[in-house]
């Protein structure tokens, strides 16, 4: 995004002022067309997981659980952490959500 902005504000403005508006507007149009072609060609390579339930319900569940457990202490044994293979399988690559020590 930064390089696109820098290019648009320097090179394209220079081209519009010194070469012509046709070139200044044609170059971004051609580049956008090429990017659309690359996107369409690469689309089959994207991972497209099937949606499982409403994402809004999951967000509300997390908010309610965080509010209810705001004063809870973290257990020292990591085996006591929440694990639900059935629910976690649809939103993770290996079937389980990975736990991190980043926020402890």
Protein backbone atom coordinates (compact mmCIF):
# COMPACT_ATOMS: atom_id res chain seq x y z
CA UNK A 1 0.00 0.00 0.00
CA UNK A 2 2.83 2.37 0.83
CA UNK A 3 4.63 1.81 -2.45
CA UNK A 4 1.37 2.18 -4.38
CA UNK A 5 0.70 5.49 -2.67
CA UNK A 6 4.25 6.70 -3.29
CA UNK A 7 4.00 5.73 -6.95
CA UNK A 8 0.62 7.36 -7.37
CA UNK A 9 1.71 10.61 -5.75
CA UNK A 10 5.01 10.96 -7.58
CA UNK A 11 5.40 9.06 -10.83
CA UNK A 12 1.78 9.21 -11.97
CA UNK A 13 1.43 12.89 -11.17
CA UNK A 14 4.64 13.55 -13.11
CA UNK A 15 3.31 11.57 -16.07
CA UNK A 16 -0.02 13.42 -15.94
CA UNK A 17 1.68 16.81 -15.85
CA UNK A 18 4.42 16.21 -18.43
CA UNK A 19 3.18 13.45 -20.77
CA UNK A 20 -0.59 13.67 -20.66
CA UNK A 21 -3.71 12.75 -18.77
CA UNK A 22 -4.39 9.80 -21.06
CA UNK A 23 -1.18 8.08 -20.02
CA UNK A 24 -1.57 9.18 -16.41
CA UNK A 25 -4.98 7.54 -16.17
CA UNK A 26 -4.25 4.68 -18.60
CA UNK A 27 -1.31 3.23 -16.66
CA UNK A 28 -3.32 2.63 -13.43
CA UNK A 29 -6.16 1.18 -15.52
CA UNK A 30 -3.82 -1.29 -17.22
CA UNK A 31 -2.19 -2.27 -13.90
CA UNK A 32 -5.61 -2.78 -12.28
CA UNK A 33 -6.66 -4.97 -15.21
CA UNK A 34 -3.51 -7.06 -14.86
CA UNK A 35 -4.05 -7.46 -11.12
CA UNK A 36 -7.61 -8.63 -11.78
CA UNK A 37 -6.34 -11.22 -14.26
CA UNK A 38 -3.72 -12.46 -11.76
CA UNK A 39 -6.40 -12.70 -9.06
CA UNK A 40 -8.74 -14.71 -11.29
CA UNK A 41 -5.93 -17.06 -12.36
CA UNK A 42 -4.77 -17.58 -8.76
CA UNK A 43 -8.24 -17.98 -7.24
CA UNK A 44 -8.24 -21.81 -7.35
CA UNK A 45 -5.11 -21.80 -5.17
CA UNK A 46 -6.86 -20.05 -2.26
CA UNK A 47 -8.08 -22.04 0.71
CA UNK A 48 -11.84 -21.81 0.93
CA UNK A 49 -13.04 -23.36 4.21
CA UNK A 50 -16.74 -24.04 4.52
CA UNK A 51 -18.51 -21.58 6.84
CA UNK A 52 -19.54 -23.20 10.09
CA UNK A 53 -22.24 -21.29 11.92
CA UNK A 54 -22.60 -17.59 12.43
CA UNK A 55 -19.41 -15.64 13.17
CA UNK A 56 -21.46 -13.13 15.16
CA UNK A 57 -22.54 -15.86 17.58
CA UNK A 58 -18.87 -16.82 18.16
CA UNK A 59 -17.91 -13.18 18.84
CA UNK A 60 -20.74 -12.78 21.35
CA UNK A 61 -19.80 -16.08 23.04
CA UNK A 62 -16.20 -14.92 23.45
CA UNK A 63 -17.28 -11.53 24.82
CA UNK A 64 -19.62 -13.12 27.37
CA UNK A 65 -17.03 -15.72 28.42
CA UNK A 66 -14.34 -13.03 28.81
CA UNK A 67 -16.68 -10.89 30.93
CA UNK A 68 -17.69 -13.82 33.14
CA UNK A 69 -14.10 -14.98 33.65
CA UNK A 70 -12.46 -11.56 34.05
CA UNK A 71 -11.39 -12.32 37.64
CA UNK A 72 -10.49 -16.00 37.17
CA UNK A 73 -6.94 -17.18 37.77
CA UNK A 74 -5.02 -19.07 35.10
CA UNK A 75 -4.32 -22.74 36.00
CA UNK A 76 -0.65 -23.75 36.12
CA UNK A 77 -1.33 -27.05 34.34
CA UNK A 78 -1.89 -26.48 30.60
CA UNK A 79 -3.93 -29.69 30.35
CA UNK A 80 -6.72 -27.92 32.24
CA UNK A 81 -7.14 -25.36 29.46
CA UNK A 82 -10.31 -25.43 27.38
CA UNK A 83 -10.22 -27.94 24.53
CA UNK A 84 -13.13 -28.84 22.29
CA UNK A 85 -11.96 -30.75 19.23
CA UNK A 86 -15.40 -30.73 17.61
CA UNK A 87 -15.83 -26.95 17.77
CA UNK A 88 -12.17 -26.07 17.14
CA UNK A 89 -11.80 -28.30 14.06
CA UNK A 90 -13.68 -25.94 11.76
CA UNK A 91 -11.59 -22.88 12.66
CA UNK A 92 -8.08 -24.34 12.89
CA UNK A 93 -5.78 -26.18 10.52
CA UNK A 94 -4.95 -29.14 12.76
CA UNK A 95 -8.22 -29.55 14.69
CA UNK A 96 -7.13 -27.80 17.90
CA UNK A 97 -6.61 -24.19 18.81
CA UNK A 98 -3.03 -23.53 19.85
CA UNK A 99 -2.48 -21.94 23.24
CA UNK A 100 0.11 -19.21 23.63
CA UNK A 101 2.04 -17.84 26.60
CA UNK A 102 1.99 -14.34 25.08
CA UNK A 103 -0.72 -12.91 27.35
CA UNK A 104 0.01 -14.76 30.60
